């Protein structure tokens, strides 16, 4: 997903992949702590069901894609021929995934009310603005003579 959005915006693909991988690794440990903090309850999850779903939705498509591209050079040629359409399909698939996750989240009986959810969104938004402002001022202090529209000779 990071590659699709970064490529569409003309950004640095390797950096986006590294950022996404690091964020996913941190998220594995941070998400349960945040959920416990927000909701305040624990839950039981079948680990085998989770691994089955991950295998079906993540690992299987990657393995099939790797298997198809090696012995079938015509698949690579077809991809290169319709690269623009494939990129659009990736973007639409990403929007579809986000939409379905959003719908599944709110279709079940929620423990939190809509007001609490929007309050949490507002706090996250304000925290993001605070962190970005601190980062901007820190970068301005540390790199005063560089990268602020004045190229260094």
C-alpha atoms as a PDB file:
ATOM      1  CA  UNK A   1       0.000   0.000   0.000  1.00  0.00           C
ATOM      2  CA  UNK A   2       2.818   2.379   0.844  1.00  0.00           C
ATOM      3  CA  UNK A   3       4.370   1.785  -2.550  1.00  0.00           C
ATOM      4  CA  UNK A   4       1.129   2.555  -4.394  1.00  0.00           C
ATOM      5  CA  UNK A   5       0.469   5.850  -2.643  1.00  0.00           C
ATOM      6  CA  UNK A   6       4.108   6.962  -2.665  1.00  0.00           C
ATOM      7  CA  UNK A   7       4.502   6.107  -6.332  1.00  0.00           C
ATOM      8  CA  UNK A   8       1.290   7.968  -7.167  1.00  0.00           C
ATOM      9  CA  UNK A   9       2.617  11.045  -5.338  1.00  0.00           C
ATOM     10  CA  UNK A  10       6.079  10.767  -6.920  1.00  0.00           C
ATOM     11  CA  UNK A  11       7.812  10.046  -3.616  1.00  0.00           C
ATOM     12  CA  UNK A  12      10.739   7.894  -2.545  1.00  0.00           C
ATOM     13  CA  UNK A  13       9.591   4.250  -2.838  1.00  0.00           C
ATOM     14  CA  UNK A  14      12.362   2.529  -0.829  1.00  0.00           C
ATOM     15  CA  UNK A  15      11.915   4.939   2.054  1.00  0.00           C
ATOM     16  CA  UNK A  16       8.158   4.379   2.020  1.00  0.00           C
ATOM     17  CA  UNK A  17       8.617   0.608   2.154  1.00  0.00           C
ATOM     18  CA  UNK A  18      11.074   0.882   5.065  1.00  0.00           C
ATOM     19  CA  UNK A  19       8.718   3.256   6.874  1.00  0.00           C
ATOM     20  CA  UNK A  20       5.757   0.937   6.338  1.00  0.00           C
ATOM     21  CA  UNK A  21       7.694  -2.127   7.511  1.00  0.00           C
ATOM     22  CA  UNK A  22       8.930  -0.346  10.634  1.00  0.00           C
ATOM     23  CA  UNK A  23       5.454   0.994  11.362  1.00  0.00           C
ATOM     24  CA  UNK A  24       3.930  -2.449  10.973  1.00  0.00           C
ATOM     25  CA  UNK A  25       6.488  -3.990  13.313  1.00  0.00           C
ATOM     26  CA  UNK A  26       5.888  -1.296  15.933  1.00  0.00           C
ATOM     27  CA  UNK A  27       2.131  -1.564  15.426  1.00  0.00           C
ATOM     28  CA  UNK A  28       2.130  -5.251  16.320  1.00  0.00           C
ATOM     29  CA  UNK A  29       3.252  -4.383  19.824  1.00  0.00           C
ATOM     30  CA  UNK A  30       1.711  -0.935  20.217  1.00  0.00           C
ATOM     31  CA  UNK A  31      -1.836  -1.692  18.993  1.00  0.00           C
ATOM     32  CA  UNK A  32      -2.839  -4.062  21.821  1.00  0.00           C
ATOM     33  CA  UNK A  33      -1.556  -1.576  24.398  1.00  0.00           C
ATOM     34  CA  UNK A  34      -3.504   1.287  22.802  1.00  0.00           C
ATOM     35  CA  UNK A  35      -6.686  -0.776  22.492  1.00  0.00           C
ATOM     36  CA  UNK A  36      -6.441  -1.829  26.113  1.00  0.00           C
ATOM     37  CA  UNK A  37      -5.912   1.813  27.061  1.00  0.00           C
ATOM     38  CA  UNK A  38      -8.870   3.085  24.996  1.00  0.00           C
ATOM     39  CA  UNK A  39     -11.371   0.333  25.671  1.00  0.00           C
ATOM     40  CA  UNK A  40     -10.141  -0.966  29.008  1.00  0.00           C
ATOM     41  CA  UNK A  41     -11.176  -4.577  28.423  1.00  0.00           C
ATOM     42  CA  UNK A  42      -9.378  -7.681  27.265  1.00  0.00           C
ATOM     43  CA  UNK A  43     -10.455 -10.220  24.679  1.00  0.00           C
ATOM     44  CA  UNK A  44      -9.766 -13.711  23.480  1.00  0.00           C
ATOM     45  CA  UNK A  45      -8.508 -14.325  19.978  1.00  0.00           C
ATOM     46  CA  UNK A  46      -7.914 -17.632  18.249  1.00  0.00           C
ATOM     47  CA  UNK A  47      -4.326 -17.415  17.036  1.00  0.00           C
ATOM     48  CA  UNK A  48      -4.874 -20.119  14.432  1.00  0.00           C
ATOM     49  CA  UNK A  49      -7.740 -18.151  12.880  1.00  0.00           C
ATOM     50  CA  UNK A  50      -5.577 -15.032  12.717  1.00  0.00           C
ATOM     51  CA  UNK A  51      -2.711 -16.885  11.058  1.00  0.00           C
ATOM     52  CA  UNK A  52      -5.128 -18.522   8.613  1.00  0.00           C
ATOM     53  CA  UNK A  53      -6.565 -15.145   7.609  1.00  0.00           C
ATOM     54  CA  UNK A  54      -3.093 -13.601   7.278  1.00  0.00           C
ATOM     55  CA  UNK A  55      -1.910 -16.525   5.167  1.00  0.00           C
ATOM     56  CA  UNK A  56      -4.959 -16.334   2.934  1.00  0.00           C
ATOM     57  CA  UNK A  57      -4.934 -12.565   2.465  1.00  0.00           C
ATOM     58  CA  UNK A  58      -1.218 -11.693   2.556  1.00  0.00           C
ATOM     59  CA  UNK A  59       1.163 -14.602   2.116  1.00  0.00           C
ATOM     60  CA  UNK A  60      -0.744 -16.546  -0.568  1.00  0.00           C
ATOM     61  CA  UNK A  61      -1.024 -13.601  -3.029  1.00  0.00           C
ATOM     62  CA  UNK A  62       2.661 -12.773  -2.588  1.00  0.00           C
ATOM     63  CA  UNK A  63       3.722 -16.382  -3.160  1.00  0.00           C
ATOM     64  CA  UNK A  64       1.460 -16.748  -6.204  1.00  0.00           C
ATOM     65  CA  UNK A  65       2.816 -13.489  -7.641  1.00  0.00           C
ATOM     66  CA  UNK A  66       6.405 -14.621  -7.179  1.00  0.00           C
ATOM     67  CA  UNK A  67       5.678 -18.018  -8.736  1.00  0.00           C
ATOM     68  CA  UNK A  68       3.863 -16.517 -11.728  1.00  0.00           C
ATOM     69  CA  UNK A  69       6.518 -13.961 -12.638  1.00  0.00           C
ATOM     70  CA  UNK A  70       9.489 -16.340 -12.837  1.00  0.00           C
ATOM     71  CA  UNK A  71       8.357 -19.029 -15.310  1.00  0.00           C
ATOM     72  CA  UNK A  72       5.957 -16.763 -17.211  1.00  0.00           C
ATOM     73  CA  UNK A  73       7.774 -13.836 -18.849  1.00  0.00           C
ATOM     74  CA  UNK A  74       4.598 -13.065 -20.781  1.00  0.00           C
ATOM     75  CA  UNK A  75       2.970 -12.130 -17.447  1.00  0.00           C
ATOM     76  CA  UNK A  76       5.718  -9.537 -16.896  1.00  0.00           C
ATOM     77  CA  UNK A  77       5.289  -8.253 -20.441  1.00  0.00           C
ATOM     78  CA  UNK A  78       1.534  -7.987 -19.911  1.00  0.00           C
ATOM     79  CA  UNK A  79       2.110  -6.088 -16.662  1.00  0.00           C
ATOM     80  CA  UNK A  80       4.542  -3.687 -18.325  1.00  0.00           C
ATOM     81  CA  UNK A  81       2.126  -3.125 -21.199  1.00  0.00           C
ATOM     82  CA  UNK A  82      -0.777  -2.218 -18.899  1.00  0.00           C
ATOM     83  CA  UNK A  83       1.258  -0.696 -16.070  1.00  0.00           C
ATOM     84  CA  UNK A  84      -0.876   2.453 -15.854  1.00  0.00           C
ATOM     85  CA  UNK A  85      -4.076   0.434 -15.533  1.00  0.00           C
ATOM     86  CA  UNK A  86      -2.514  -1.850 -12.929  1.00  0.00           C
ATOM     87  CA  UNK A  87      -1.526   1.183 -10.856  1.00  0.00           C
ATOM     88  CA  UNK A  88      -5.090   2.484 -11.003  1.00  0.00           C
ATOM     89  CA  UNK A  89      -6.400  -0.953 -10.031  1.00  0.00           C
ATOM     90  CA  UNK A  90      -4.020  -0.979  -7.040  1.00  0.00           C
ATOM     91  CA  UNK A  91      -5.276   2.420  -5.930  1.00  0.00           C
ATOM     92  CA  UNK A  92      -8.915   1.348  -6.242  1.00  0.00           C
ATOM     93  CA  UNK A  93      -8.160  -1.870  -4.359  1.00  0.00           C
ATOM     94  CA  UNK A  94      -6.587   0.132  -1.547  1.00  0.00           C
ATOM     95  CA  UNK A  95      -9.626   2.403  -1.307  1.00  0.00           C
ATOM     96  CA  UNK A  96     -11.880  -0.672  -1.312  1.00  0.00           C
ATOM     97  CA  UNK A  97      -9.891  -2.290   1.506  1.00  0.00           C
ATOM     98  CA  UNK A  98     -10.029   0.854   3.644  1.00  0.00           C
ATOM     99  CA  UNK A  99     -13.763   1.219   2.948  1.00  0.00           C
ATOM    100  CA  UNK A 100     -14.571  -2.389   3.882  1.00  0.00           C
ATOM    101  CA  UNK A 101     -12.538  -2.190   7.095  1.00  0.00           C
ATOM    102  CA  UNK A 102     -14.337   1.049   7.983  1.00  0.00           C
ATOM    103  CA  UNK A 103     -17.734  -0.526   7.283  1.00  0.00           C
ATOM    104  CA  UNK A 104     -16.934  -3.671   9.282  1.00  0.00           C
ATOM    105  CA  UNK A 105     -15.793  -1.549  12.199  1.00  0.00           C
ATOM    106  CA  UNK A 106     -19.062   0.351  12.445  1.00  0.00           C
ATOM    107  CA  UNK A 107     -21.439  -2.443  11.422  1.00  0.00           C
ATOM    108  CA  UNK A 108     -20.824  -4.398  14.639  1.00  0.00           C
ATOM    109  CA  UNK A 109     -22.031  -3.351  18.039  1.00  0.00           C
ATOM    110  CA  UNK A 110     -19.421  -0.875  19.164  1.00  0.00           C
ATOM    111  CA  UNK A 111     -18.326  -0.540  22.765  1.00  0.00           C
ATOM    112  CA  UNK A 112     -17.622   3.156  22.217  1.00  0.00           C
ATOM    113  CA  UNK A 113     -20.147   5.745  21.150  1.00  0.00           C
ATOM    114  CA  UNK A 114     -19.749   7.904  18.057  1.00  0.00           C
ATOM    115  CA  UNK A 115     -18.927  10.887  20.266  1.00  0.00           C
ATOM    116  CA  UNK A 116     -16.077   9.004  21.906  1.00  0.00           C
ATOM    117  CA  UNK A 117     -14.761   7.881  18.526  1.00  0.00           C
ATOM    118  CA  UNK A 118     -14.805  11.408  17.115  1.00  0.00           C
ATOM    119  CA  UNK A 119     -13.221  12.721  20.310  1.00  0.00           C
ATOM    120  CA  UNK A 120     -10.408  10.188  19.875  1.00  0.00           C
ATOM    121  CA  UNK A 121     -10.014  11.246  16.222  1.00  0.00           C
ATOM    122  CA  UNK A 122      -9.801  14.886  17.308  1.00  0.00           C
ATOM    123  CA  UNK A 123      -7.138  14.066  19.909  1.00  0.00           C
ATOM    124  CA  UNK A 124      -5.116  12.061  17.397  1.00  0.00           C
ATOM    125  CA  UNK A 125      -5.412  14.907  14.877  1.00  0.00           C
ATOM    126  CA  UNK A 126      -4.279  17.509  17.419  1.00  0.00           C
ATOM    127  CA  UNK A 127      -1.420  15.251  18.535  1.00  0.00           C
ATOM    128  CA  UNK A 128      -0.353  14.820  14.908  1.00  0.00           C
ATOM    129  CA  UNK A 129      -0.365  18.591  14.398  1.00  0.00           C
ATOM    130  CA  UNK A 130       1.708  19.015  17.569  1.00  0.00           C
ATOM    131  CA  UNK A 131       4.262  16.377  16.536  1.00  0.00           C
ATOM    132  CA  UNK A 132       4.557  17.764  13.000  1.00  0.00           C
ATOM    133  CA  UNK A 133       5.044  21.296  14.364  1.00  0.00           C
ATOM    134  CA  UNK A 134       7.755  20.138  16.764  1.00  0.00           C
ATOM    135  CA  UNK A 135       9.430  18.192  13.947  1.00  0.00           C
ATOM    136  CA  UNK A 136       9.298  21.203  11.641  1.00  0.00           C
ATOM    137  CA  UNK A 137      10.830  23.543  14.226  1.00  0.00           C
ATOM    138  CA  UNK A 138      13.462  20.956  15.150  1.00  0.00           C
ATOM    139  CA  UNK A 139      14.449  20.505  11.522  1.00  0.00           C
ATOM    140  CA  UNK A 140      14.581  24.263  11.093  1.00  0.00           C
ATOM    141  CA  UNK A 141      16.904  24.600  14.078  1.00  0.00           C
ATOM    142  CA  UNK A 142      19.152  21.683  13.157  1.00  0.00           C
ATOM    143  CA  UNK A 143      19.372  22.387   9.441  1.00  0.00           C
ATOM    144  CA  UNK A 144      19.101  26.161   9.344  1.00  0.00           C
ATOM    145  CA  UNK A 145      21.337  26.609   6.286  1.00  0.00           C
ATOM    146  CA  UNK A 146      20.075  23.644   4.315  1.00  0.00           C
ATOM    147  CA  UNK A 147      16.884  22.582   2.566  1.00  0.00           C
ATOM    148  CA  UNK A 148      14.758  25.671   3.279  1.00  0.00           C
ATOM    149  CA  UNK A 149      14.577  26.879  -0.270  1.00  0.00           C
ATOM    150  CA  UNK A 150      18.167  28.142  -0.188  1.00  0.00           C
ATOM    151  CA  UNK A 151      20.396  25.593  -1.890  1.00  0.00           C
ATOM    152  CA  UNK A 152      23.803  25.123  -0.340  1.00  0.00           C
ATOM    153  CA  UNK A 153      26.676  25.670  -2.783  1.00  0.00           C
END
